[in-house]
Amino acid sequence: MRFFRPPLILRLLYPDALFRVRTEGKSLVLTFDDGPDPDSTVKLARILERHGIKAIFFCSGRKAEEFPELVEFLRSKGHVIGNHGYDHLNGCRTPAAQYSANAGKAASLTSDEFFRPPYGTMKIEQYRELKRRFRLFLWDVMPYDFDNNLTGGDCLSILKKKIRPGSVIVLHDSGRSSVLWFIESFLIFAREEGYSFTTDI
């Protein structure tokens, strides 16, 4: 089952995590998970630069270690780097100490400020531990751009229907994602609808 918005239970379980930003205007926060990727990350950054948009890239510690030049490239373009764990661990299947250590291992390679849990789930003890160290990010809209059963057109349609002021949008800069097929069309649509993009969170 696909949840284009997180189930309400997650907002109740993780009350201090960020799902949506408070805004008086029509601001959106654009985020990307699972990179950096030597192919898609640079292409995405160039598209964003053409539109004057900054995003938050929640990077895998393992990939950041493999491609440190891509992390620095993103920073040089004014994007924010977040922590997505060293390995892409499922919190519900990982002991709390191991999960916390995995986030800590990635911190020096990515960010010691912002953390997004892989799969968007954590055990309560993991949440309590990590919120003491990081600002925890989840999301308001996910179009499942990594799902091969959805086309780029499907993902674009989901975004057009689901965005709202303050939405934190999660996409992926990885080889599995269809994001390069629709991102520019989405940015144009959002601007035409009066939205702006921010990383001021």
C-alpha atoms as a PDB file:
ATOM      1  CA  MET A   1       0.000   0.000   0.000  1.00  0.00           C
ATOM      2  CA  ARG A   2       1.286   3.465  -0.900  1.00  0.00           C
ATOM      3  CA  PHE A   3       0.902   6.378   1.504  1.00  0.00           C
ATOM      4  CA  PHE A   4       1.412   9.613  -0.399  1.00  0.00           C
ATOM      5  CA  ARG A   5       1.171  11.330   2.988  1.00  0.00           C
ATOM      6  CA  PRO A   6       2.491   9.772   6.201  1.00  0.00           C
ATOM      7  CA  PRO A   7      -0.186   8.032   8.263  1.00  0.00           C
ATOM      8  CA  LEU A   8      -1.446  10.134  11.162  1.00  0.00           C
ATOM      9  CA  ILE A   9      -0.024   7.611  13.621  1.00  0.00           C
ATOM     10  CA  LEU A  10       3.515   8.672  12.656  1.00  0.00           C
ATOM     11  CA  ARG A  11       2.772  12.283  13.516  1.00  0.00           C
ATOM     12  CA  LEU A  12       1.542  11.117  16.896  1.00  0.00           C
ATOM     13  CA  LEU A  13       4.520   8.819  17.489  1.00  0.00           C
ATOM     14  CA  TYR A  14       7.097  11.427  16.438  1.00  0.00           C
ATOM     15  CA  PRO A  15       5.617  14.744  17.612  1.00  0.00           C
ATOM     16  CA  ASP A  16       8.918  16.641  17.425  1.00  0.00           C
ATOM     17  CA  ALA A  17       9.772  15.514  13.888  1.00  0.00           C
ATOM     18  CA  LEU A  18       9.220  17.888  10.978  1.00  0.00           C
ATOM     19  CA  PHE A  19       6.565  16.774   8.496  1.00  0.00           C
ATOM     20  CA  ARG A  20       5.501  20.193   7.238  1.00  0.00           C
ATOM     21  CA  VAL A  21       6.833  23.710   7.748  1.00  0.00           C
ATOM     22  CA  ARG A  22       4.815  26.581   9.139  1.00  0.00           C
ATOM     23  CA  THR A  23       4.410  29.253   6.509  1.00  0.00           C
ATOM     24  CA  GLU A  24       2.243  32.292   5.934  1.00  0.00           C
ATOM     25  CA  GLY A  25       2.833  31.988   2.202  1.00  0.00           C
ATOM     26  CA  LYS A  26       2.989  29.138  -0.295  1.00  0.00           C
ATOM     27  CA  SER A  27       6.402  27.708   0.567  1.00  0.00           C
ATOM     28  CA  LEU A  28       7.587  24.182  -0.175  1.00  0.00           C
ATOM     29  CA  VAL A  29      10.661  22.298   1.015  1.00  0.00           C
ATOM     30  CA  LEU A  30      12.212  20.082  -1.644  1.00  0.00           C
ATOM     31  CA  THR A  31      14.288  17.169  -0.352  1.00  0.00           C
ATOM     32  CA  PHE A  32      16.158  14.262  -1.923  1.00  0.00           C
ATOM     33  CA  ASP A  33      17.165  10.970  -0.287  1.00  0.00           C
ATOM     34  CA  ASP A  34      19.650   8.164  -0.945  1.00  0.00           C
ATOM     35  CA  GLY A  35      22.374  10.034  -2.854  1.00  0.00           C
ATOM     36  CA  PRO A  36      24.792  11.258  -3.754  1.00  0.00           C
ATOM     37  CA  ASP A  37      24.636   9.479  -7.093  1.00  0.00           C
ATOM     38  CA  PRO A  38      27.334  10.186  -9.714  1.00  0.00           C
ATOM     39  CA  ASP A  39      24.729  10.414 -12.478  1.00  0.00           C
ATOM     40  CA  SER A  40      21.493  11.833 -11.124  1.00  0.00           C
ATOM     41  CA  THR A  41      22.777  14.152  -8.380  1.00  0.00           C
ATOM     42  CA  VAL A  42      24.715  16.438 -10.716  1.00  0.00           C
ATOM     43  CA  LYS A  43      21.884  16.520 -13.261  1.00  0.00           C
ATOM     44  CA  LEU A  44      19.377  17.415 -10.549  1.00  0.00           C
ATOM     45  CA  ALA A  45      21.615  20.142  -9.159  1.00  0.00           C
ATOM     46  CA  ARG A  46      21.927  21.703 -12.618  1.00  0.00           C
ATOM     47  CA  ILE A  47      18.148  21.704 -13.100  1.00  0.00           C
ATOM     48  CA  LEU A  48      17.654  23.284  -9.679  1.00  0.00           C
ATOM     49  CA  GLU A  49      20.294  25.895 -10.434  1.00  0.00           C
ATOM     50  CA  ARG A  50      18.535  26.875 -13.671  1.00  0.00           C
ATOM     51  CA  HIS A  51      15.414  27.581 -11.630  1.00  0.00           C
ATOM     52  CA  GLY A  52      17.227  29.255  -8.737  1.00  0.00           C
ATOM     53  CA  ILE A  53      16.020  26.625  -6.249  1.00  0.00           C
ATOM     54  CA  LYS A  54      17.849  25.206  -3.237  1.00  0.00           C
ATOM     55  CA  ALA A  55      17.026  21.811  -1.747  1.00  0.00           C
ATOM     56  CA  ILE A  56      17.988  19.552   1.140  1.00  0.00           C
ATOM     57  CA  PHE A  57      19.875  16.391   0.171  1.00  0.00           C
ATOM     58  CA  PHE A  58      19.675  13.646   2.796  1.00  0.00           C
ATOM     59  CA  CYS A  59      22.771  11.690   1.876  1.00  0.00           C
ATOM     60  CA  SER A  60      23.763   8.137   2.627  1.00  0.00           C
ATOM     61  CA  GLY A  61      26.924   8.139   4.700  1.00  0.00           C
ATOM     62  CA  ARG A  62      28.325   5.246   2.711  1.00  0.00           C
ATOM     63  CA  LYS A  63      27.760   7.060  -0.589  1.00  0.00           C
ATOM     64  CA  ALA A  64      29.032  10.344   0.822  1.00  0.00           C
ATOM     65  CA  GLU A  65      32.210   8.536   1.805  1.00  0.00           C
ATOM     66  CA  GLU A  66      32.493   7.082  -1.698  1.00  0.00           C
ATOM     67  CA  PHE A  67      31.694  10.353  -3.487  1.00  0.00           C
ATOM     68  CA  PRO A  68      32.807  13.201  -1.167  1.00  0.00           C
ATOM     69  CA  GLU A  69      33.284  15.491  -4.151  1.00  0.00           C
ATOM     70  CA  LEU A  70      29.545  15.296  -4.871  1.00  0.00           C
ATOM     71  CA  VAL A  71      28.680  16.329  -1.312  1.00  0.00           C
ATOM     72  CA  GLU A  72      30.998  19.306  -1.625  1.00  0.00           C
ATOM     73  CA  PHE A  73      29.543  20.093  -5.053  1.00  0.00           C
ATOM     74  CA  LEU A  74      26.052  20.280  -3.538  1.00  0.00           C
ATOM     75  CA  ARG A  75      27.265  22.494  -0.712  1.00  0.00           C
ATOM     76  CA  SER A  76      29.029  24.756  -3.198  1.00  0.00           C
ATOM     77  CA  LYS A  77      25.703  25.263  -4.985  1.00  0.00           C
ATOM     78  CA  GLY A  78      24.026  26.350  -1.763  1.00  0.00           C
ATOM     79  CA  HIS A  79      22.106  23.161  -1.000  1.00  0.00           C
ATOM     80  CA  VAL A  80      21.728  21.818   2.538  1.00  0.00           C
ATOM     81  CA  ILE A  81      23.148  18.388   3.395  1.00  0.00           C
ATOM     82  CA  GLY A  82      21.226  16.075   5.706  1.00  0.00           C
ATOM     83  CA  ASN A  83      22.017  12.712   7.274  1.00  0.00           C
ATOM     84  CA  HIS A  84      20.208   9.596   6.005  1.00  0.00           C
ATOM     85  CA  GLY A  85      22.264   7.121   8.007  1.00  0.00           C
ATOM     86  CA  TYR A  86      25.495   5.444   6.986  1.00  0.00           C
ATOM     87  CA  ASP A  87      23.606   2.377   5.756  1.00  0.00           C
ATOM     88  CA  HIS A  88      19.927   2.430   4.802  1.00  0.00           C
ATOM     89  CA  LEU A  89      18.701   0.596   7.894  1.00  0.00           C
ATOM     90  CA  ASN A  90      15.096  -0.115   8.738  1.00  0.00           C
ATOM     91  CA  GLY A  91      14.665   1.152  12.282  1.00  0.00           C
ATOM     92  CA  CYS A  92      11.897  -1.333  13.045  1.00  0.00           C
ATOM     93  CA  ARG A  93      14.271  -4.218  12.283  1.00  0.00           C
ATOM     94  CA  THR A  94      17.435  -2.816  13.858  1.00  0.00           C
ATOM     95  CA  PRO A  95      18.509  -2.772  17.528  1.00  0.00           C
ATOM     96  CA  ALA A  96      18.428   0.729  18.987  1.00  0.00           C
ATOM     97  CA  ALA A  97      22.161   0.925  19.722  1.00  0.00           C
ATOM     98  CA  GLN A  98      23.069  -0.182  16.203  1.00  0.00           C
ATOM     99  CA  TYR A  99      20.606   2.266  14.657  1.00  0.00           C
ATOM    100  CA  SER A 100      21.937   5.184  16.679  1.00  0.00           C
ATOM    101  CA  ALA A 101      25.531   4.244  15.864  1.00  0.00           C
ATOM    102  CA  ASN A 102      24.650   4.081  12.170  1.00  0.00           C
ATOM    103  CA  ALA A 103      23.296   7.640  12.289  1.00  0.00           C
ATOM    104  CA  GLY A 104      26.326   8.793  14.237  1.00  0.00           C
ATOM    105  CA  LYS A 105      28.729   7.189  11.785  1.00  0.00           C
ATOM    106  CA  ALA A 106      27.193   9.195   8.951  1.00  0.00           C
ATOM    107  CA  ALA A 107      27.174  12.498  10.822  1.00  0.00           C
ATOM    108  CA  SER A 108      30.739  13.570  10.049  1.00  0.00           C
ATOM    109  CA  LEU A 109      30.262  12.640   6.388  1.00  0.00           C
ATOM    110  CA  THR A 110      26.880  14.321   5.944  1.00  0.00           C
ATOM    111  CA  SER A 111      25.257  16.329   8.753  1.00  0.00           C
ATOM    112  CA  ASP A 112      25.285  16.341  12.535  1.00  0.00           C
ATOM    113  CA  GLU A 113      22.210  18.584  12.532  1.00  0.00           C
ATOM    114  CA  PHE A 114      19.491  17.072  10.315  1.00  0.00           C
ATOM    115  CA  PHE A 115      18.515  13.381  10.193  1.00  0.00           C
ATOM    116  CA  ARG A 116      15.890  11.608   8.113  1.00  0.00           C
ATOM    117  CA  PRO A 117      15.173   7.996   9.060  1.00  0.00           C
ATOM    118  CA  PRO A 118      15.314   5.549   6.147  1.00  0.00           C
ATOM    119  CA  TYR A 119      11.813   4.243   5.352  1.00  0.00           C
ATOM    120  CA  GLY A 120      10.436   6.992   7.598  1.00  0.00           C
ATOM    121  CA  THR A 121      10.061   4.753  10.616  1.00  0.00           C
ATOM    122  CA  MET A 122      11.844   4.382  13.947  1.00  0.00           C
ATOM    123  CA  LYS A 123      11.187   2.585  17.181  1.00  0.00           C
ATOM    124  CA  ILE A 124      10.145   4.950  19.949  1.00  0.00           C
ATOM    125  CA  GLU A 125      13.425   4.438  21.806  1.00  0.00           C
ATOM    126  CA  GLN A 126      15.336   5.280  18.598  1.00  0.00           C
ATOM    127  CA  TYR A 127      13.242   8.397  18.091  1.00  0.00           C
ATOM    128  CA  ARG A 128      13.836   9.557  21.660  1.00  0.00           C
ATOM    129  CA  GLU A 129      17.567   8.971  21.384  1.00  0.00           C
ATOM    130  CA  LEU A 130      18.021  10.622  17.986  1.00  0.00           C
ATOM    131  CA  LYS A 131      15.871  13.684  18.674  1.00  0.00           C
ATOM    132  CA  ARG A 132      18.338  14.611  21.417  1.00  0.00           C
ATOM    133  CA  ARG A 133      21.084  14.842  18.824  1.00  0.00           C
ATOM    134  CA  PHE A 134      19.407  15.746  15.525  1.00  0.00           C
ATOM    135  CA  ARG A 135      16.518  17.674  14.106  1.00  0.00           C
ATOM    136  CA  LEU A 136      14.363  14.880  12.696  1.00  0.00           C
ATOM    137  CA  PHE A 137      12.849  15.272   9.230  1.00  0.00           C
ATOM    138  CA  LEU A 138      10.058  13.256   7.724  1.00  0.00           C
ATOM    139  CA  TRP A 139       7.796  14.543   4.948  1.00  0.00           C
ATOM    140  CA  ASP A 140       4.322  15.638   3.933  1.00  0.00           C
ATOM    141  CA  VAL A 141       4.292  14.311   0.341  1.00  0.00           C
ATOM    142  CA  MET A 142       5.997  11.328  -1.283  1.00  0.00           C
ATOM    143  CA  PRO A 143       5.176  10.511  -4.941  1.00  0.00           C
ATOM    144  CA  TYR A 144       7.062   7.181  -4.891  1.00  0.00           C
ATOM    145  CA  ASP A 145       9.496   8.193  -7.622  1.00  0.00           C
ATOM    146  CA  PHE A 146      11.533   5.052  -6.790  1.00  0.00           C
ATOM    147  CA  ASP A 147       8.612   2.714  -7.579  1.00  0.00           C
ATOM    148  CA  ASN A 148       9.020   1.127 -10.999  1.00  0.00           C
ATOM    149  CA  ASN A 149       5.271   0.556 -11.160  1.00  0.00           C
ATOM    150  CA  LEU A 150       4.725   4.322 -11.365  1.00  0.00           C
ATOM    151  CA  THR A 151       5.803   6.440 -14.309  1.00  0.00           C
ATOM    152  CA  GLY A 152       7.299   9.889 -14.090  1.00  0.00           C
ATOM    153  CA  GLY A 153       3.919  11.166 -15.262  1.00  0.00           C
ATOM    154  CA  ASP A 154       2.219   9.380 -12.380  1.00  0.00           C
ATOM    155  CA  CYS A 155       4.613  10.979  -9.895  1.00  0.00           C
ATOM    156  CA  LEU A 156       4.067  14.426 -11.399  1.00  0.00           C
ATOM    157  CA  SER A 157       0.296  13.978 -11.121  1.00  0.00           C
ATOM    158  CA  ILE A 158       0.608  12.940  -7.460  1.00  0.00           C
ATOM    159  CA  LEU A 159       2.677  16.023  -6.652  1.00  0.00           C
ATOM    160  CA  LYS A 160       0.269  18.348  -8.439  1.00  0.00           C
ATOM    161  CA  LYS A 161      -2.626  16.957  -6.408  1.00  0.00           C
ATOM    162  CA  LYS A 162      -0.948  16.639  -3.025  1.00  0.00           C
ATOM    163  CA  ILE A 163       1.276  19.670  -2.465  1.00  0.00           C
ATOM    164  CA  ARG A 164       0.002  22.337  -0.105  1.00  0.00           C
ATOM    165  CA  PRO A 165       1.610  25.300   1.676  1.00  0.00           C
ATOM    166  CA  GLY A 166       4.381  24.040   3.923  1.00  0.00           C
ATOM    167  CA  SER A 167       4.737  20.622   2.278  1.00  0.00           C
ATOM    168  CA  VAL A 168       8.053  18.871   2.765  1.00  0.00           C
ATOM    169  CA  ILE A 169       8.448  16.833  -0.424  1.00  0.00           C
ATOM    170  CA  VAL A 170      10.651  13.746  -0.548  1.00  0.00           C
ATOM    171  CA  LEU A 171      12.217  12.612  -3.825  1.00  0.00           C
ATOM    172  CA  HIS A 172      15.309  10.519  -4.514  1.00  0.00           C
ATOM    173  CA  ASP A 173      18.590  11.159  -6.307  1.00  0.00           C
ATOM    174  CA  SER A 174      19.344   7.555  -7.124  1.00  0.00           C
ATOM    175  CA  GLY A 175      19.446   5.345 -10.189  1.00  0.00           C
ATOM    176  CA  ARG A 176      16.063   3.845  -9.266  1.00  0.00           C
ATOM    177  CA  SER A 177      14.232   7.166  -9.316  1.00  0.00           C
ATOM    178  CA  SER A 178      12.217   8.622 -12.200  1.00  0.00           C
ATOM    179  CA  VAL A 179      12.766  12.135 -10.804  1.00  0.00           C
ATOM    180  CA  LEU A 180      14.772  13.391 -13.780  1.00  0.00           C
ATOM    181  CA  TRP A 181      11.765  12.737 -16.011  1.00  0.00           C
ATOM    182  CA  PHE A 182       9.416  15.076 -14.161  1.00  0.00           C
ATOM    183  CA  ILE A 183      11.311  17.419 -11.836  1.00  0.00           C
ATOM    184  CA  GLU A 184      11.530  20.341 -14.250  1.00  0.00           C
ATOM    185  CA  SER A 185       7.834  20.084 -15.128  1.00  0.00           C
ATOM    186  CA  PHE A 186       7.016  20.052 -11.437  1.00  0.00           C
ATOM    187  CA  LEU A 187       9.149  23.100 -10.664  1.00  0.00           C
ATOM    188  CA  ILE A 188       7.466  25.046 -13.465  1.00  0.00           C
ATOM    189  CA  PHE A 189       4.002  23.944 -12.298  1.00  0.00           C
ATOM    190  CA  ALA A 190       4.698  24.882  -8.682  1.00  0.00           C
ATOM    191  CA  ARG A 191       5.951  28.334  -9.618  1.00  0.00           C
ATOM    192  CA  GLU A 192       2.923  28.914 -11.859  1.00  0.00           C
ATOM    193  CA  GLU A 193       0.709  27.990  -8.891  1.00  0.00           C
ATOM    194  CA  GLY A 194       2.411  30.642  -6.781  1.00  0.00           C
ATOM    195  CA  TYR A 195       4.693  28.380  -4.758  1.00  0.00           C
ATOM    196  CA  SER A 196       8.254  29.173  -3.751  1.00  0.00           C
ATOM    197  CA  PHE A 197      10.924  26.825  -2.402  1.00  0.00           C
ATOM    198  CA  THR A 198      12.851  27.266   0.811  1.00  0.00           C
ATOM    199  CA  THR A 199      15.486  25.557   2.924  1.00  0.00           C
ATOM    200  CA  ASP A 200      15.009  28.092   5.720  1.00  0.00           C
ATOM    201  CA  ILE A 201      13.666  25.671   8.296  1.00  0.00           C
END
